[in-house]
């Protein structure tokens, strides 16, 4: 059996590195991945978690809107929230994360292409699709994949 995930997409917000009680670095973030549905583009928002050196790398170099390649495995876990309700979480625990464009490209795209608007609405905690769809479309054919 194989549990392997490869994603290419954009970060929906700046990664915020936290420390566990034992001092390990961890960062949770979301990658927006385009998918074509007939003639329309839609986005899937995939929750990811990186640990230790990868988390530190993301916290130092990655910014909202950065194009990233994420490799890892899908995991599921559950916990009881403050009200006692069982919460189920599915996420990608990463083995490898790469930035696919330079920091200058990400920063210039963030100010010129998208304007000063962030694309993320704090009011309803939902990504603004109009801002997301106005950016460049990444089209990867199966011939481009290394496997």
C-alpha atoms as a PDB file:
ATOM      1  CA  UNK A   1       0.000   0.000   0.000  1.00  0.00           C
ATOM      2  CA  UNK A   2       1.101   3.549  -0.728  1.00  0.00           C
ATOM      3  CA  UNK A   3       0.254   6.772   1.085  1.00  0.00           C
ATOM      4  CA  UNK A   4       2.107   9.464  -0.859  1.00  0.00           C
ATOM      5  CA  UNK A   5       0.932  12.967  -1.757  1.00  0.00           C
ATOM      6  CA  UNK A   6       2.495  15.505  -4.118  1.00  0.00           C
ATOM      7  CA  UNK A   7       0.867  18.946  -4.324  1.00  0.00           C
ATOM      8  CA  UNK A   8       1.755  22.107  -6.214  1.00  0.00           C
ATOM      9  CA  UNK A   9      -0.119  25.222  -5.171  1.00  0.00           C
ATOM     10  CA  UNK A  10       0.002  28.533  -3.375  1.00  0.00           C
ATOM     11  CA  UNK A  11       0.092  29.309   0.351  1.00  0.00           C
ATOM     12  CA  UNK A  12      -3.118  30.970   1.530  1.00  0.00           C
ATOM     13  CA  UNK A  13      -1.394  32.933   4.320  1.00  0.00           C
ATOM     14  CA  UNK A  14       2.024  33.509   5.882  1.00  0.00           C
ATOM     15  CA  UNK A  15       3.217  30.414   7.787  1.00  0.00           C
ATOM     16  CA  UNK A  16       3.418  30.964  11.550  1.00  0.00           C
ATOM     17  CA  UNK A  17       5.926  28.699  13.298  1.00  0.00           C
ATOM     18  CA  UNK A  18       5.053  27.519  16.808  1.00  0.00           C
ATOM     19  CA  UNK A  19       7.043  25.491  19.341  1.00  0.00           C
ATOM     20  CA  UNK A  20       5.815  22.370  21.103  1.00  0.00           C
ATOM     21  CA  UNK A  21       6.377  21.845  24.829  1.00  0.00           C
ATOM     22  CA  UNK A  22       9.465  19.811  23.939  1.00  0.00           C
ATOM     23  CA  UNK A  23      10.847  22.648  21.786  1.00  0.00           C
ATOM     24  CA  UNK A  24      10.131  21.208  18.322  1.00  0.00           C
ATOM     25  CA  UNK A  25       9.127  23.656  15.583  1.00  0.00           C
ATOM     26  CA  UNK A  26       5.773  23.051  13.882  1.00  0.00           C
ATOM     27  CA  UNK A  27       3.791  24.998  11.309  1.00  0.00           C
ATOM     28  CA  UNK A  28       0.273  24.377  10.030  1.00  0.00           C
ATOM     29  CA  UNK A  29      -0.675  25.954   6.716  1.00  0.00           C
ATOM     30  CA  UNK A  30      -3.035  25.595   3.781  1.00  0.00           C
ATOM     31  CA  UNK A  31      -2.094  25.091   0.139  1.00  0.00           C
ATOM     32  CA  UNK A  32      -4.582  26.205  -2.537  1.00  0.00           C
ATOM     33  CA  UNK A  33      -4.390  23.791  -5.473  1.00  0.00           C
ATOM     34  CA  UNK A  34      -6.176  24.448  -8.779  1.00  0.00           C
ATOM     35  CA  UNK A  35      -8.248  21.702 -10.323  1.00  0.00           C
ATOM     36  CA  UNK A  36     -10.067  21.767 -13.613  1.00  0.00           C
ATOM     37  CA  UNK A  37     -13.743  20.835 -13.548  1.00  0.00           C
ATOM     38  CA  UNK A  38     -14.858  20.630 -17.201  1.00  0.00           C
ATOM     39  CA  UNK A  39     -14.226  24.193 -18.422  1.00  0.00           C
ATOM     40  CA  UNK A  40     -14.009  25.776 -14.968  1.00  0.00           C
ATOM     41  CA  UNK A  41     -11.089  26.151 -12.599  1.00  0.00           C
ATOM     42  CA  UNK A  42     -11.768  25.432  -8.951  1.00  0.00           C
ATOM     43  CA  UNK A  43      -9.467  25.312  -5.977  1.00  0.00           C
ATOM     44  CA  UNK A  44      -9.013  22.732  -3.265  1.00  0.00           C
ATOM     45  CA  UNK A  45      -7.624  23.969   0.040  1.00  0.00           C
ATOM     46  CA  UNK A  46      -5.389  21.288   1.545  1.00  0.00           C
ATOM     47  CA  UNK A  47      -4.283  21.481   5.198  1.00  0.00           C
ATOM     48  CA  UNK A  48      -0.602  20.665   5.721  1.00  0.00           C
ATOM     49  CA  UNK A  49       1.763  20.339   8.690  1.00  0.00           C
ATOM     50  CA  UNK A  50       5.559  20.620   8.663  1.00  0.00           C
ATOM     51  CA  UNK A  51       7.942  19.887  11.522  1.00  0.00           C
ATOM     52  CA  UNK A  52      11.394  20.956  12.717  1.00  0.00           C
ATOM     53  CA  UNK A  53      13.783  22.121   9.947  1.00  0.00           C
ATOM     54  CA  UNK A  54      11.052  22.231   7.291  1.00  0.00           C
ATOM     55  CA  UNK A  55       8.843  24.319   9.601  1.00  0.00           C
ATOM     56  CA  UNK A  56      11.720  26.716  10.320  1.00  0.00           C
ATOM     57  CA  UNK A  57      12.452  27.005   6.588  1.00  0.00           C
ATOM     58  CA  UNK A  58       8.827  27.861   5.777  1.00  0.00           C
ATOM     59  CA  UNK A  59       8.594  30.375   8.599  1.00  0.00           C
ATOM     60  CA  UNK A  60      11.728  32.150   7.422  1.00  0.00           C
ATOM     61  CA  UNK A  61      11.324  32.124   3.632  1.00  0.00           C
ATOM     62  CA  UNK A  62       7.713  31.396   2.615  1.00  0.00           C
ATOM     63  CA  UNK A  63       5.033  34.067   2.385  1.00  0.00           C
ATOM     64  CA  UNK A  64       1.362  34.152   1.473  1.00  0.00           C
ATOM     65  CA  UNK A  65       0.894  33.465  -2.239  1.00  0.00           C
ATOM     66  CA  UNK A  66       4.199  31.616  -2.628  1.00  0.00           C
ATOM     67  CA  UNK A  67       4.135  28.763  -5.142  1.00  0.00           C
ATOM     68  CA  UNK A  68       5.187  25.600  -3.300  1.00  0.00           C
ATOM     69  CA  UNK A  69       5.668  21.918  -3.963  1.00  0.00           C
ATOM     70  CA  UNK A  70       4.645  19.746  -1.017  1.00  0.00           C
ATOM     71  CA  UNK A  71       5.445  16.050  -0.611  1.00  0.00           C
ATOM     72  CA  UNK A  72       4.217  13.935   2.254  1.00  0.00           C
ATOM     73  CA  UNK A  73       1.571  11.550   3.524  1.00  0.00           C
ATOM     74  CA  UNK A  74      -2.085  11.924   4.450  1.00  0.00           C
ATOM     75  CA  UNK A  75      -2.862  11.428   8.126  1.00  0.00           C
ATOM     76  CA  UNK A  76      -6.085  11.468  10.099  1.00  0.00           C
ATOM     77  CA  UNK A  77      -6.457  12.252  13.771  1.00  0.00           C
ATOM     78  CA  UNK A  78      -9.170  13.236  16.201  1.00  0.00           C
ATOM     79  CA  UNK A  79      -9.426  15.126  19.470  1.00  0.00           C
ATOM     80  CA  UNK A  80     -12.078  16.441  21.844  1.00  0.00           C
ATOM     81  CA  UNK A  81     -12.562  20.221  21.697  1.00  0.00           C
ATOM     82  CA  UNK A  82     -13.336  22.492  24.662  1.00  0.00           C
ATOM     83  CA  UNK A  83     -17.049  21.617  24.500  1.00  0.00           C
ATOM     84  CA  UNK A  84     -16.349  17.876  24.515  1.00  0.00           C
ATOM     85  CA  UNK A  85     -17.231  17.421  20.847  1.00  0.00           C
ATOM     86  CA  UNK A  86     -15.080  15.000  18.829  1.00  0.00           C
ATOM     87  CA  UNK A  87     -13.191  16.819  16.021  1.00  0.00           C
ATOM     88  CA  UNK A  88     -11.690  14.886  13.082  1.00  0.00           C
ATOM     89  CA  UNK A  89      -8.744  16.301  11.135  1.00  0.00           C
ATOM     90  CA  UNK A  90      -7.225  15.095   7.865  1.00  0.00           C
ATOM     91  CA  UNK A  91      -3.977  16.730   6.780  1.00  0.00           C
ATOM     92  CA  UNK A  92      -0.764  16.191   4.853  1.00  0.00           C
ATOM     93  CA  UNK A  93       2.296  15.685   7.055  1.00  0.00           C
ATOM     94  CA  UNK A  94       5.154  16.842   4.867  1.00  0.00           C
ATOM     95  CA  UNK A  95       8.496  15.209   4.184  1.00  0.00           C
ATOM     96  CA  UNK A  96       9.679  17.826   1.717  1.00  0.00           C
ATOM     97  CA  UNK A  97       8.580  21.356   0.803  1.00  0.00           C
ATOM     98  CA  UNK A  98      10.161  23.422  -1.971  1.00  0.00           C
ATOM     99  CA  UNK A  99       9.603  27.027  -2.979  1.00  0.00           C
ATOM    100  CA  UNK A 100       9.068  27.051  -6.744  1.00  0.00           C
ATOM    101  CA  UNK A 101       9.650  30.745  -7.394  1.00  0.00           C
ATOM    102  CA  UNK A 102      11.985  33.374  -6.022  1.00  0.00           C
ATOM    103  CA  UNK A 103      11.004  35.598  -3.127  1.00  0.00           C
ATOM    104  CA  UNK A 104      11.203  38.638  -5.440  1.00  0.00           C
ATOM    105  CA  UNK A 105       8.727  37.030  -7.843  1.00  0.00           C
ATOM    106  CA  UNK A 106       6.318  36.240  -5.024  1.00  0.00           C
ATOM    107  CA  UNK A 107       6.586  39.743  -3.555  1.00  0.00           C
ATOM    108  CA  UNK A 108       6.208  41.521  -6.900  1.00  0.00           C
ATOM    109  CA  UNK A 109       3.230  39.349  -7.846  1.00  0.00           C
ATOM    110  CA  UNK A 110       1.639  40.065  -4.486  1.00  0.00           C
ATOM    111  CA  UNK A 111       1.777  43.832  -4.946  1.00  0.00           C
ATOM    112  CA  UNK A 112       1.280  44.294  -8.673  1.00  0.00           C
ATOM    113  CA  UNK A 113      -0.949  41.452  -9.809  1.00  0.00           C
ATOM    114  CA  UNK A 114      -3.259  41.230  -6.814  1.00  0.00           C
ATOM    115  CA  UNK A 115      -3.038  44.836  -5.689  1.00  0.00           C
ATOM    116  CA  UNK A 116      -2.952  45.564  -1.987  1.00  0.00           C
ATOM    117  CA  UNK A 117      -5.927  43.320  -1.300  1.00  0.00           C
ATOM    118  CA  UNK A 118      -4.983  40.181   0.578  1.00  0.00           C
ATOM    119  CA  UNK A 119      -7.537  37.860  -1.021  1.00  0.00           C
ATOM    120  CA  UNK A 120      -8.343  36.428   2.400  1.00  0.00           C
ATOM    121  CA  UNK A 121     -11.437  37.677   4.160  1.00  0.00           C
ATOM    122  CA  UNK A 122     -11.169  37.830   7.930  1.00  0.00           C
ATOM    123  CA  UNK A 123     -14.926  38.448   8.163  1.00  0.00           C
ATOM    124  CA  UNK A 124     -16.072  35.015   7.072  1.00  0.00           C
ATOM    125  CA  UNK A 125     -12.779  33.121   7.228  1.00  0.00           C
ATOM    126  CA  UNK A 126     -13.107  32.172   3.557  1.00  0.00           C
ATOM    127  CA  UNK A 127     -10.721  32.750   0.696  1.00  0.00           C
ATOM    128  CA  UNK A 128     -11.995  35.295  -1.832  1.00  0.00           C
ATOM    129  CA  UNK A 129     -12.348  33.309  -5.085  1.00  0.00           C
ATOM    130  CA  UNK A 130     -12.269  36.441  -7.254  1.00  0.00           C
ATOM    131  CA  UNK A 131      -8.796  37.334  -5.986  1.00  0.00           C
ATOM    132  CA  UNK A 132      -7.595  33.726  -6.331  1.00  0.00           C
ATOM    133  CA  UNK A 133      -8.856  33.284  -9.891  1.00  0.00           C
ATOM    134  CA  UNK A 134      -7.260  36.526 -11.110  1.00  0.00           C
ATOM    135  CA  UNK A 135      -3.744  35.085 -10.780  1.00  0.00           C
ATOM    136  CA  UNK A 136      -1.768  32.939 -13.168  1.00  0.00           C
ATOM    137  CA  UNK A 137      -3.018  29.412 -13.806  1.00  0.00           C
ATOM    138  CA  UNK A 138      -0.586  26.561 -13.329  1.00  0.00           C
ATOM    139  CA  UNK A 139      -1.207  23.935 -15.995  1.00  0.00           C
ATOM    140  CA  UNK A 140       0.652  20.671 -15.446  1.00  0.00           C
ATOM    141  CA  UNK A 141       0.202  17.837 -17.887  1.00  0.00           C
ATOM    142  CA  UNK A 142       1.010  14.244 -17.021  1.00  0.00           C
ATOM    143  CA  UNK A 143       4.091  14.509 -19.281  1.00  0.00           C
ATOM    144  CA  UNK A 144       5.575  17.055 -16.847  1.00  0.00           C
ATOM    145  CA  UNK A 145       5.430  14.727 -13.838  1.00  0.00           C
ATOM    146  CA  UNK A 146       8.547  12.707 -13.002  1.00  0.00           C
ATOM    147  CA  UNK A 147       6.666   9.482 -12.265  1.00  0.00           C
END
